[in-house]
Amino acid sequence: MFDRLIRRFSLVLGIAALASLSGCGYNDFQRLDEDTKAAWAEVLNQYQRRADLVPNLVATVKGEADFEQTTLTRVIEARSRATAIQVTPETLNDPEAMARFQQAQSQLGGALSRLLAVAENYPNLKANQAFQELRVQLEGTENRITVARNKYIGAVQQYNVLARSFPTNLTAMMFSYTPKASFTVANEAEISRPPTVDFGSQGAH
């Protein structure tokens, strides 16, 4: 009889504990944590898509014999740095690692912008169908990167508000749900407007 009462009491305590966790945001932390991971995976996917376009773009531009070699070199080096960074799930909780990742991607984006701007001075490139197709693909990829980064920023914001608000911050401390790193203020301002690269019109002369 006593053992039965103990078991019943333990069951009641367990139910109460679960209800308490739910009321203090435990389930929300689980959901938002998965949301941020999914959003981050899409950011990485779009950055990888851009990196994959670079070799073909460089190969096409090299066909222009007198093309500015410094510009090409900067693109190649920037891609190398961007793809060399090891991105792990822990990156989301490490502002310094996130900053390094952002810087590398920003450098690649800047190098590509410079390459496309310089290409405007080469009529043969502007008339090259393969080059024009790559430009269109890059334009689409830049737009997808913007969308993916915006979604990630939104997901992180929801998660971090939960982690810092009372009483859910108590749950965060109990289960080590630390705030996640987001893009810097400068990046957020930048992605709030369309990409600044002028890809020109396809087939323009």
Protein backbone atom coordinates (compact mmCIF):
# COMPACT_ATOMS: atom_id res chain seq x y z
CA MET A 1 0.00 0.00 0.00
CA PHE A 2 2.78 2.41 0.94
CA ASP A 3 4.72 1.54 -2.21
CA ARG A 4 1.64 2.26 -4.30
CA LEU A 5 1.27 5.69 -2.70
CA ILE A 6 4.93 6.44 -3.35
CA ARG A 7 4.57 5.51 -7.01
CA ARG A 8 1.42 7.60 -7.34
CA PHE A 9 3.09 10.54 -5.66
CA SER A 10 6.11 10.21 -7.96
CA LEU A 11 3.81 10.15 -10.97
CA VAL A 12 2.08 13.31 -9.83
CA LEU A 13 5.45 15.01 -9.30
CA GLY A 14 6.59 13.93 -12.76
CA ILE A 15 3.46 15.34 -14.40
CA ALA A 16 3.87 18.57 -12.44
CA ALA A 17 7.50 18.83 -13.51
CA LEU A 18 6.58 18.33 -17.17
CA ALA A 19 3.86 20.95 -16.91
CA SER A 20 6.33 23.30 -15.28
CA LEU A 21 8.87 22.79 -18.05
CA SER A 22 6.24 23.41 -20.69
CA GLY A 23 5.12 26.58 -18.94
CA CYS A 24 8.71 27.82 -18.66
CA GLY A 25 9.46 27.46 -22.35
CA TYR A 26 11.22 24.10 -22.51
CA ASN A 27 9.21 22.95 -25.53
CA ASP A 28 9.63 26.35 -27.16
CA PHE A 29 13.40 26.07 -26.77
CA GLN A 30 13.33 22.71 -28.51
CA ARG A 31 11.26 24.06 -31.39
CA LEU A 32 13.21 27.27 -31.85
CA ASP A 33 16.55 25.48 -31.59
CA GLU A 34 15.52 23.25 -34.48
CA ASP A 35 14.25 26.28 -36.40
CA THR A 36 17.60 28.06 -36.09
CA LYS A 37 19.50 24.95 -37.16
CA ALA A 38 17.28 24.54 -40.22
CA ALA A 39 17.62 28.22 -41.11
CA TRP A 40 21.41 28.06 -40.69
CA ALA A 41 21.60 24.98 -42.89
CA GLU A 42 19.84 26.92 -45.65
CA VAL A 43 22.28 29.83 -45.27
CA LEU A 44 25.19 27.43 -45.69
CA ASN A 45 23.49 25.79 -48.65
CA GLN A 46 23.15 29.10 -50.49
CA TYR A 47 26.72 30.19 -49.72
CA GLN A 48 27.92 26.83 -51.04
CA ARG A 49 25.84 27.33 -54.18
CA ARG A 50 27.67 30.63 -54.75
CA ALA A 51 31.08 29.07 -54.10
CA ASP A 52 30.29 26.32 -56.61
CA LEU A 53 29.62 28.89 -59.32
CA VAL A 54 33.00 30.58 -58.91
CA PRO A 55 35.23 28.03 -60.71
CA ASN A 56 33.08 28.13 -63.85
CA LEU A 57 32.93 31.91 -63.70
CA VAL A 58 36.70 32.19 -63.38
CA ALA A 59 37.26 29.70 -66.19
CA THR A 60 34.95 31.68 -68.47
CA VAL A 61 36.60 35.00 -67.66
CA LYS A 62 40.06 33.56 -68.24
CA GLY A 63 39.04 33.14 -71.86
CA GLU A 64 39.37 36.92 -72.16
CA ALA A 65 43.15 37.07 -72.68
CA ASP A 66 43.80 40.53 -71.29
CA PHE A 67 41.35 40.39 -68.39
CA GLU A 68 42.57 42.05 -65.18
CA GLN A 69 44.48 39.25 -63.43
CA THR A 70 44.48 40.91 -60.00
CA THR A 71 40.69 40.82 -59.95
CA LEU A 72 40.63 37.12 -60.82
CA THR A 73 43.25 36.33 -58.19
CA ARG A 74 41.23 38.07 -55.49
CA VAL A 75 38.14 36.04 -56.36
CA ILE A 76 40.07 32.77 -56.26
CA GLU A 77 41.74 33.62 -52.94
CA ALA A 78 38.49 34.85 -51.38
CA ARG A 79 36.72 31.63 -52.39
CA SER A 80 39.55 29.60 -50.89
CA ARG A 81 39.26 31.43 -47.56
CA ALA A 82 35.46 31.17 -47.49
CA THR A 83 35.40 27.43 -48.17
CA ALA A 84 38.29 26.69 -45.78
CA ILE A 85 36.38 27.79 -42.68
CA GLN A 86 35.14 24.83 -40.70
CA VAL A 87 31.48 25.43 -39.82
CA THR A 88 30.10 23.31 -36.99
CA PRO A 89 26.89 23.45 -34.92
CA GLU A 90 28.96 25.16 -32.22
CA THR A 91 29.48 28.09 -34.60
CA LEU A 92 25.95 29.24 -33.78
CA ASN A 93 26.99 29.77 -30.16
CA ASP A 94 30.36 31.38 -30.92
CA PRO A 95 30.20 35.07 -31.92
CA GLU A 96 33.90 35.11 -32.89
CA ALA A 97 33.56 32.10 -35.17
CA MET A 98 30.44 33.63 -36.70
CA ALA A 99 32.32 36.92 -37.29
CA ARG A 100 35.14 35.08 -39.09
CA PHE A 101 32.61 33.25 -41.24
CA GLN A 102 30.81 36.49 -42.10
CA GLN A 103 34.04 38.26 -42.95
CA ALA A 104 35.15 35.50 -45.33
CA GLN A 105 31.79 35.43 -47.09
CA SER A 106 31.73 39.21 -47.32
CA GLN A 107 35.18 39.22 -48.90
CA LEU A 108 34.06 36.70 -51.51
CA GLY A 109 30.95 38.73 -52.26
CA GLY A 110 33.05 41.88 -52.66
CA ALA A 111 35.55 40.15 -54.93
CA LEU A 112 32.73 38.85 -57.15
CA SER A 113 31.18 42.31 -57.29
CA ARG A 114 34.51 43.73 -58.44
CA LEU A 115 34.94 41.03 -61.08
CA LEU A 116 31.50 41.66 -62.56
CA ALA A 117 32.04 45.40 -62.55
CA VAL A 118 35.35 45.04 -64.38
CA ALA A 119 33.74 42.65 -66.88
CA GLU A 120 31.57 45.53 -68.08
CA ASN A 121 34.67 46.88 -69.82
CA TYR A 122 35.04 43.75 -71.97
CA PRO A 123 32.53 43.59 -74.86
CA ASN A 124 33.47 40.00 -75.65
CA LEU A 125 32.55 38.90 -72.15
CA LYS A 126 29.29 40.83 -72.20
CA ALA A 127 28.42 39.01 -75.42
CA ASN A 128 29.50 35.60 -74.07
CA GLN A 129 26.38 33.49 -73.49
CA ALA A 130 28.02 31.25 -70.88
CA PHE A 131 29.21 34.30 -68.94
CA GLN A 132 25.76 35.89 -69.08
CA GLU A 133 24.15 32.69 -67.79
CA LEU A 134 26.60 32.56 -64.88
CA ARG A 135 25.79 36.19 -64.04
CA VAL A 136 22.09 35.38 -63.92
CA GLN A 137 22.77 32.38 -61.68
CA LEU A 138 24.88 34.54 -59.37
CA GLU A 139 22.14 37.15 -59.20
CA GLY A 140 19.61 34.49 -58.20
CA THR A 141 22.01 33.05 -55.65
CA GLU A 142 22.65 36.43 -54.07
CA ASN A 143 18.91 36.91 -53.70
CA ARG A 144 18.53 33.48 -52.11
CA ILE A 145 21.40 34.25 -49.72
CA THR A 146 19.60 37.42 -48.66
CA VAL A 147 16.36 35.54 -48.01
CA ALA A 148 18.14 32.74 -46.12
CA ARG A 149 20.10 35.15 -43.93
CA ASN A 150 16.95 37.12 -43.11
CA LYS A 151 15.17 33.92 -42.06
CA TYR A 152 18.12 32.92 -39.89
CA ILE A 153 18.24 36.33 -38.21
CA GLY A 154 14.52 36.07 -37.46
CA ALA A 155 14.85 32.56 -36.03
CA VAL A 156 17.80 33.56 -33.83
CA GLN A 157 15.97 36.64 -32.61
CA GLN A 158 13.02 34.54 -31.41
CA TYR A 159 15.33 32.06 -29.72
CA ASN A 160 17.43 34.73 -28.01
CA VAL A 161 14.37 36.64 -26.75
CA LEU A 162 13.16 33.42 -25.14
CA ALA A 163 16.60 32.76 -23.64
CA ARG A 164 16.80 36.22 -22.09
CA SER A 165 13.22 36.75 -20.93
CA PHE A 166 11.81 35.88 -17.51
CA PRO A 167 10.83 33.21 -16.54
CA THR A 168 12.11 31.27 -19.57
CA ASN A 169 15.65 32.49 -18.85
CA LEU A 170 15.58 30.22 -15.79
CA THR A 171 14.91 27.26 -18.06
CA ALA A 172 17.70 28.46 -20.34
CA MET A 173 20.15 28.53 -17.43
CA MET A 174 19.00 25.13 -16.19
CA PHE A 175 19.50 23.44 -19.58
CA SER A 176 22.39 25.61 -20.86
CA TYR A 177 20.41 27.24 -23.65
CA THR A 178 22.75 30.13 -24.34
CA PRO A 179 21.92 32.93 -26.81
CA LYS A 180 22.97 32.18 -30.38
CA ALA A 181 25.24 34.31 -32.54
CA SER A 182 23.58 36.22 -35.37
CA PHE A 183 24.84 38.38 -38.20
CA THR A 184 26.33 41.70 -37.16
CA VAL A 185 24.40 44.95 -37.21
CA ALA A 186 26.28 46.00 -40.34
CA ASN A 187 25.26 42.81 -42.11
CA GLU A 188 21.66 43.17 -41.00
CA ALA A 189 21.56 46.69 -42.42
CA GLU A 190 23.12 45.46 -45.65
CA ILE A 191 20.69 42.60 -46.23
CA SER A 192 17.68 44.79 -45.55
CA ARG A 193 18.09 46.12 -49.10
CA PRO A 194 18.58 44.32 -52.43
CA PRO A 195 22.10 43.20 -53.46
CA THR A 196 24.17 46.16 -54.66
CA VAL A 197 25.89 44.25 -57.46
CA ASP A 198 24.73 45.45 -60.89
CA PHE A 199 24.56 42.30 -62.92
CA GLY A 200 23.33 44.19 -65.97
CA SER A 201 20.81 42.85 -68.41
CA GLN A 202 21.37 39.54 -70.09
CA GLY A 203 22.89 39.91 -73.52
CA ALA A 204 23.60 43.63 -73.01
CA HIS A 205 26.23 45.28 -75.19
